[in-house]
Structure formats: structure tokens, C-alpha cells
Protein backbone atom coordinates (compact mmCIF):
# COMPACT_ATOMS: atom_id res chain seq x y z
CA MET A 1 202.56 -39.48 31.65
CA ALA A 2 199.75 -41.72 33.02
CA ASP A 3 199.54 -39.94 36.65
CA GLU A 4 199.20 -36.85 34.78
CA PRO A 5 195.13 -36.57 33.95
CA GLU A 6 194.78 -37.62 37.26
CA LEU A 7 197.15 -34.81 38.89
CA GLU A 8 194.97 -32.37 36.49
CA THR A 9 191.49 -33.73 37.67
CA GLY A 10 192.50 -33.47 41.28
CA ALA A 11 193.30 -29.73 40.90
CA GLU A 12 190.21 -29.05 39.41
CA SER A 13 188.09 -30.91 41.65
CA ALA A 14 189.97 -28.51 44.81
CA PRO A 15 187.99 -25.13 43.69
CA GLU A 16 184.99 -27.23 44.40
CA ALA A 17 185.92 -28.74 47.58
CA GLN A 18 185.81 -25.09 49.09
CA PRO A 19 182.65 -24.44 51.40
CA SER A 20 180.25 -22.16 49.51
CA THR A 21 177.40 -21.28 52.65
CA PRO A 22 177.77 -19.78 55.09
CA GLY A 23 177.09 -23.36 57.30
CA ALA A 24 179.41 -25.22 55.98
CA LYS A 25 181.90 -22.74 56.35
CA LEU A 26 181.07 -23.21 60.62
CA ARG A 27 180.98 -26.78 60.15
CA ALA A 28 184.70 -26.62 58.37
CA ALA A 29 185.95 -24.57 60.59
CA ARG A 30 184.97 -26.70 63.51
CA GLU A 31 186.18 -29.70 62.02
CA ALA A 32 189.20 -27.64 61.52
CA GLN A 33 189.96 -27.18 65.34
CA GLY A 34 189.03 -30.64 65.93
CA LEU A 35 185.66 -29.32 68.13
CA SER A 36 182.58 -31.21 68.11
CA ILE A 37 179.04 -29.57 68.04
CA GLN A 38 179.19 -30.36 71.31
CA ASP A 39 181.72 -28.53 72.16
CA VAL A 40 180.80 -25.20 70.18
CA ALA A 41 177.26 -25.28 71.96
CA THR A 42 179.33 -25.49 75.38
CA ARG A 43 180.68 -22.51 73.89
CA THR A 44 177.85 -20.12 73.14
CA ARG A 45 175.57 -21.17 75.03
CA ILE A 46 173.56 -22.08 72.28
CA ALA A 47 171.20 -25.25 71.95
CA GLN A 48 173.28 -28.00 69.60
CA ARG A 49 169.80 -28.54 67.44
CA GLN A 50 170.07 -25.15 65.93
CA LEU A 51 173.72 -24.83 65.75
CA GLU A 52 172.74 -28.10 63.59
CA ALA A 53 170.42 -25.86 62.42
CA VAL A 54 172.70 -23.66 61.24
CA GLU A 55 175.42 -25.56 59.82
CA ARG A 56 172.82 -27.40 56.87
CA ASP A 57 171.99 -23.72 56.77
CA ASP A 58 168.49 -25.09 57.80
CA TYR A 59 167.00 -20.97 58.57
CA ALA A 60 163.46 -22.43 58.84
CA ALA A 61 164.30 -24.98 61.92
CA LEU A 62 164.99 -21.49 63.86
CA PRO A 63 163.54 -19.29 65.79
CA GLY A 64 163.44 -16.35 63.93
CA ILE A 65 165.97 -14.57 61.38
CA PRO A 66 167.40 -12.25 63.69
CA TYR A 67 167.78 -16.06 65.60
CA ALA A 68 169.43 -17.36 62.75
CA VAL A 69 172.02 -14.22 62.22
CA GLY A 70 173.19 -14.29 65.93
CA PHE A 71 173.19 -17.79 66.06
CA ALA A 72 176.16 -17.54 62.92
CA ARG A 73 177.32 -14.71 64.32
CA ALA A 74 177.98 -16.70 67.61
CA TYR A 75 179.27 -19.91 65.82
CA ALA A 76 181.90 -17.80 64.18
CA ARG A 77 183.24 -16.25 67.01
CA ALA A 78 183.74 -19.68 69.25
CA VAL A 79 185.43 -21.11 65.54
CA ASP A 80 187.24 -18.02 64.69
CA LEU A 81 185.69 -16.58 61.77
CA ASP A 82 184.90 -13.21 60.63
CA GLU A 83 181.57 -13.14 62.67
CA VAL A 84 180.94 -10.09 60.44
CA ALA A 85 181.49 -11.69 57.33
CA ILE A 86 179.40 -14.89 58.27
CA ALA A 87 176.63 -12.69 59.43
CA ALA A 88 176.21 -10.67 56.16
CA GLU A 89 176.18 -14.39 54.46
CA VAL A 90 173.02 -15.77 56.26
CA ARG A 91 171.16 -12.72 55.87
CA HIS A 92 171.97 -12.13 52.03
CA GLY A 93 170.74 -16.10 52.28
CA VAL A 94 167.64 -15.27 54.57
CA HIS A 95 166.52 -12.59 51.68
CA ASN A 96 166.92 -15.18 48.97
CA SER A 97 164.77 -17.59 50.77
CA ASP A 98 161.11 -18.16 51.84
CA MET A 99 161.96 -16.69 55.30
CA GLY A 100 162.27 -13.92 53.52
CA ALA A 101 158.60 -11.68 53.83
CA ARG A 102 158.94 -12.42 57.80
CA TYR A 103 162.03 -10.53 57.85
CA GLU A 104 162.64 -9.01 61.45
CA ALA A 105 164.40 -5.36 62.66
CA PHE A 106 165.53 -6.86 65.60
CA GLU A 107 169.13 -8.51 65.41
CA PRO A 108 170.62 -9.50 68.95
CA VAL A 109 173.86 -9.62 69.05
CA ASP A 110 174.84 -11.59 70.79
CA PRO A 111 171.74 -14.82 71.60
CA ALA A 112 173.90 -15.88 74.29
CA ARG A 113 174.24 -13.05 76.35
CA VAL A 114 170.15 -13.46 76.37
CA PRO A 115 169.06 -13.27 79.59
CA PRO A 116 167.25 -17.22 80.69
CA ARG A 117 163.40 -17.80 80.87
CA ARG A 118 164.07 -18.14 84.53
CA LEU A 119 165.17 -14.21 85.20
CA ALA A 120 161.72 -13.57 83.23
CA TRP A 121 159.43 -15.64 85.44
CA VAL A 122 161.79 -14.56 89.21
CA VAL A 123 160.85 -10.70 87.71
CA LEU A 124 156.92 -11.90 86.17
CA ALA A 125 156.61 -12.76 89.38
CA ILE A 126 158.41 -10.11 91.21
CA VAL A 127 155.92 -7.73 89.28
CA ILE A 128 152.16 -9.54 89.87
CA VAL A 129 153.06 -9.70 94.02
CA LEU A 130 154.20 -5.53 93.85
CA ILE A 131 150.88 -5.01 91.80
CA ALA A 132 148.76 -7.51 93.98
CA GLY A 133 150.69 -5.44 97.06
CA TYR A 134 148.83 -2.28 95.73
CA THR A 135 145.48 -2.88 94.45
CA ILE A 136 145.55 -4.24 98.48
CA TRP A 137 146.19 -1.44 99.82
CA ARG A 138 144.44 0.54 98.20
CA THR A 139 141.01 -1.15 98.37
CA GLN A 140 142.03 -0.40 102.08
CA LEU A 141 142.37 2.97 101.50
CA MET A 142 138.74 3.28 99.42
CA THR A 143 137.29 1.35 101.71
CA PRO A 144 134.51 3.47 102.94
CA PRO A 145 133.73 3.42 106.97
CA THR A 146 131.73 1.51 108.49
CA GLY A 147 127.73 2.28 110.12
CA GLU A 148 129.35 2.27 113.78
CA GLU A 149 132.25 4.68 113.28
CA ILE A 150 129.88 7.42 111.18
CA ALA A 151 127.65 7.26 114.42
CA GLN A 152 130.64 7.88 116.32
CA GLU A 153 131.73 9.99 114.11
CA GLN A 154 128.38 12.10 114.30
CA ALA A 155 128.70 11.67 118.36
CA GLN A 156 131.95 13.10 119.00
CA PRO A 157 130.90 16.41 118.03
CA ALA A 158 128.72 16.62 120.31
CA ALA A 159 131.42 15.54 123.45
CA GLU A 160 134.10 17.69 122.35
CA ARG A 161 132.15 21.27 122.40
CA THR A 162 133.30 23.69 124.69
CA PRO A 163 130.89 25.35 126.87
CA GLY A 164 131.45 29.35 126.62
CA VAL A 165 132.27 29.46 122.77
CA ALA A 166 129.73 30.83 121.39
CA PRO A 167 129.85 29.86 116.80
CA VAL A 168 131.67 31.74 114.27
CA ALA A 169 129.78 33.24 111.43
CA PRO A 170 131.61 30.93 108.32
CA ALA A 171 131.25 33.54 106.58
CA ALA A 172 134.92 34.91 104.17
CA GLN A 173 137.14 32.14 106.83
CA PRO A 174 139.34 30.23 105.18
CA VAL A 175 139.25 26.04 105.52
CA VAL A 176 142.59 25.44 105.43
CA PHE A 177 144.35 21.63 105.61
CA THR A 178 148.03 21.78 107.16
CA ALA A 179 149.59 18.47 106.45
CA VAL A 180 151.95 17.11 109.80
CA ASP A 181 153.32 14.59 107.93
CA ASP A 182 153.42 13.10 104.46
CA VAL A 183 149.33 12.44 103.99
CA TRP A 184 147.30 11.61 100.70
CA LEU A 185 144.05 13.60 100.88
CA ARG A 186 141.52 14.18 97.95
CA ILE A 187 138.42 16.87 98.75
CA TYR A 188 135.84 17.41 96.56
CA ASP A 189 132.51 19.05 96.17
CA GLU A 190 129.34 17.78 95.89
CA ALA A 191 128.95 17.35 92.58
CA GLY A 192 132.27 14.82 92.75
CA GLU A 193 134.59 17.60 91.24
CA ARG A 194 138.01 17.14 92.97
CA LEU A 195 138.84 20.17 94.60
CA LYS A 196 142.86 18.69 95.70
CA ASP A 197 143.79 15.10 95.01
CA GLY A 198 147.23 13.53 96.08
CA LEU A 199 150.18 13.67 97.79
CA LEU A 200 150.21 15.98 100.84
CA LYS A 201 153.54 16.68 101.85
CA LYS A 202 154.66 17.22 105.93
CA GLY A 203 154.41 21.05 106.00
CA GLU A 204 152.45 21.75 102.80
CA SER A 205 148.91 23.43 103.59
CA PHE A 206 145.41 23.70 100.77
CA THR A 207 142.95 26.44 101.48
CA LEU A 208 139.42 25.00 100.50
CA PRO A 209 138.36 27.97 97.71
CA SER A 210 136.14 30.16 99.53
CA ALA A 211 133.08 28.66 96.47
CA ALA A 212 133.16 24.71 97.32
CA LYS A 213 129.73 23.89 97.44
CA GLY A 214 129.89 21.00 100.27
CA PRO A 215 132.86 20.13 100.36
CA MET A 216 134.12 16.45 101.56
CA ILE A 217 137.16 14.71 101.94
CA LEU A 218 138.76 10.97 101.68
CA THR A 219 141.57 10.82 103.20
CA GLY A 220 143.52 7.45 105.30
CA ARG A 221 144.93 9.08 108.21
CA PRO A 222 143.01 11.55 109.36
CA GLN A 223 145.31 12.73 112.69
CA ALA A 224 148.82 13.54 109.48
CA LEU A 225 145.99 16.82 108.45
CA SER A 226 146.01 19.85 110.72
CA VAL A 227 142.72 21.90 109.43
CA THR A 228 142.18 25.49 110.53
CA VAL A 229 138.98 28.17 110.17
CA GLY A 230 139.54 31.27 110.30
CA GLY A 231 142.90 30.77 112.04
CA LYS A 232 140.80 28.99 114.35
CA PRO A 233 141.91 24.80 114.84
CA ILE A 234 139.31 21.69 114.91
CA ALA A 235 139.14 19.06 116.27
CA PRO A 236 140.70 16.23 114.40
CA LEU A 237 138.73 14.66 111.31
CA GLY A 238 139.09 10.74 112.43
CA ALA A 239 140.60 8.48 114.68
CA ALA A 240 144.32 7.70 114.05
CA ASP A 241 145.22 5.71 110.73
CA ARG A 242 141.17 4.74 110.23
CA THR A 243 140.10 5.88 106.44
CA ILE A 244 137.51 8.85 106.71
CA ALA A 245 135.14 8.99 103.52
CA ASP A 246 132.74 11.95 102.97
CA VAL A 247 132.92 14.11 105.93
CA PRO A 248 132.01 17.27 105.22
CA VAL A 249 135.07 19.47 105.73
CA SER A 250 132.42 23.29 105.30
CA ALA A 251 133.24 26.01 107.48
CA GLU A 252 129.80 25.92 108.96
CA ALA A 253 130.46 21.38 109.12
CA LEU A 254 134.29 22.15 110.97
CA LEU A 255 133.08 25.22 113.30
CA ALA A 256 129.80 22.98 113.79
CA ARG A 257 132.42 19.98 115.39
CA GLY A 258 134.23 22.58 117.85
CA ALA A 259 130.51 24.44 118.56
CA ALA A 260 129.15 24.87 122.30
CA PRO A 261 125.52 24.72 123.32
CA ALA A 262 123.44 27.79 123.31
CA ALA A 263 123.62 29.71 126.81
CA GLY A 264 120.31 29.94 128.64
CA PRO A 265 119.34 33.22 130.78
CA ALA A 266 120.68 33.03 134.44
CA VAL A 267 117.69 32.10 136.88
CA ALA A 268 117.44 33.62 139.99
CA PRO A 269 116.91 31.32 143.14
CA ALA A 270 113.13 31.26 144.12
CA ARG A 271 112.09 33.26 147.49
CA PRO A 272 109.05 32.00 149.53
CA ALA A 273 105.77 34.28 148.94
CA PRO A 274 105.21 36.41 152.36
CA ARG A 275 102.12 35.49 153.79
CA ARG A 276 99.76 38.14 154.53
CA THR A 277 96.96 38.06 157.55
CA GLY A 278 92.98 37.67 157.05
CA ALA A 279 90.87 41.21 157.29
CA GLY A 280 88.24 38.43 159.36
CA GLN A 281 91.02 37.98 161.92
CA GLY A 282 91.30 42.13 162.95
CA GLY A 283 94.40 42.20 160.78
CA THR A 284 95.14 44.98 158.15
CA GLY A 285 95.81 43.08 155.88
CA ARG A 286 99.56 43.76 154.80
CA SER A 287 102.32 40.78 154.89
CA GLU A 288 104.06 40.20 158.01
CA ALA A 289 106.68 39.80 156.69
CA SER A 290 107.15 43.63 155.19
CA SER A 291 105.25 44.88 158.79
CA PRO A 292 106.46 43.57 161.94
CA ALA A 293 103.39 43.28 164.33
CA VAL A 294 102.86 46.06 166.80
CA PRO A 295 101.20 44.88 170.66
CA THR A 296 97.64 46.50 171.79
CA PRO A 297 97.46 48.21 174.95
CA ALA A 298 94.72 46.21 177.16
CA PRO A 299 91.36 48.76 178.44
CA VAL A 300 91.09 50.35 180.88
CA ALA A 301 88.81 51.02 183.65
CA PRO A 302 87.59 54.24 186.14
CA VAL A 303 87.94 53.23 189.76
CA GLY A 304 86.97 54.78 193.05
CA ASP A 305 89.22 56.91 193.60
CA GLY A 306 89.64 58.39 190.08
CA THR A 307 91.97 56.05 189.03
CA ALA A 308 92.32 53.66 186.35
CA ALA A 309 92.71 49.42 186.68
CA PRO A 310 93.82 47.69 183.73
CA GLN A 311 90.71 45.01 183.04
CA PRO A 312 91.96 41.82 182.10
């Protein structure tokens, strides 16, 4: 009979010994399996200090509410507890705490599956390299030609003119750009309005609007363009793989690149002037070249027998 009160006291204290918080339940399940906090950290790949905060129900020590719920779910899986129930209890406890004001909608299913920080840095470095490479390529493409290149471009049309071909009136002469290879180009008028801007794929063509005023072109691969005016091919707009900018591409400008200089009238070879004989020397004033000289017979004097003897 003396032992009866002690048994009753133990029976009454048994329900009180049951863990009531999610952290206490997780700790009890871990200890029941004989696992240390480090063993759970190895299974879940969660830092030990964060698991200890979960056991203490100290959610303010965690990075945020989604991590508190996610860490508790991973911990529950590691010790064979109902992760859904544990997550619900943690979420309920968070909402009833001071952290409820900063609730976040995103909740990771398993923080252990979040990519490591090292992978994030590698991805960031790759992105930076790609952006830098694109910037350098774009800078080279947009670099305007030097003064020497412009002088060569201006001198080239005169050297490529074909003799004997008269320039054709540019009126109603369509200017067509055909890509012999994929090429990026920009065609704009004198006001800066872009008539064509982008990639012209191989085989595609672009016809310059007839109303365009002062059209010019910018491209980094002039050799990839075949230009015709009224169906007649025009010389390349520039050297291969050299950026050209502000190059006029109107019908007049393109025809001038292949126009021939005006041909002068044929000049007959000079003939020598005829020599004339002076009148004071017994000449008749006629040209010796037009009338041959006729010898004058010598005068004769009569002799005694009536015959005429020649006089010296």
C-alpha cells in the first residue's frame, strides 16, 4: 500500500514526459535510434548548428522560415518521423512566434538538394565570361574604319572602273543585297532611321526602298554580300572581314564605284602642211604638193640657114 502512491505518481508523470514540440520529437526520435546530431547532419547534409536550432525550436537562429520548415522535414525523414506532420507543427509554431510577420511564400522541399554555393559561383563566372566575350566582339564589330581605310575605299572605285562603259541613269534602278553567307548588317538613311537591321541569312535578299534618302551600310563582313543595281553586280563594298561603316549604298553611289571615265573624241594624226612657192621667185603661188613642177623649155635663137639653135 505504501508503494501505491509512487505508482500513481509515475503514471501521472508519464504523459508529461512525452515531447510536445517538433524539436523535442525530433530529438527523441534521434536518441531512440542511437544517432548523434552529427549522424543526422551527415544524412541530411545540413549544418549541425542548424539541426541543433531545430531541436531547440529556435527558428530565429535559422536563415528564414522556409529553411526552418525544410530543415525540419529533412530531419524527420532522417529519423523516420512523419515529415508532413512535423512540417505542419513547425509552420504553426513559426506563425505563433515573432517570425510570423516575415513569412515567405517560397518553401524548399528539401534544402539538402539545393545546389552548393560552389556551383553557383561557377555558373556566375561562366556568365561573366560570356558577357565579356560578347562585349568585345560587339566592340570590334562597331569600330569605325580608320582614315587610311576610308582613303583606300575612296580610291578603289576609280581603279576598278571599266573603260568603255557609260554610267547608267540611276532612276528606277533597284539596289538588291543578297547574302552569299550569313551576315549581320545595318542599313540606315541620312536621318538615322534603320531600313534593315539584323541577320541576313544565306540566300536571303533585301531590296533598298526607292524612297530612301542617303542610305548607308554598316557590316563586319562585306564579302558576304552580293550587291546589284538594276541586275548588274557591283564590286565588293570593302575588304574581307573588315568592318565598314557609313558607306553610301544608293544607286548613284554604287554605280559610281564601277562607272567608267567619259571617253574623249578620236583625234586624227596631224598631216604636214604643204610648202608653197613664193610669187617673187617666178612661182605661181600653187602648192608643190598639189601640182607637180613642169620644166620650162630653154629659148632658141635663129641661125643663118633659118634653123633655130638652142641658146645656153
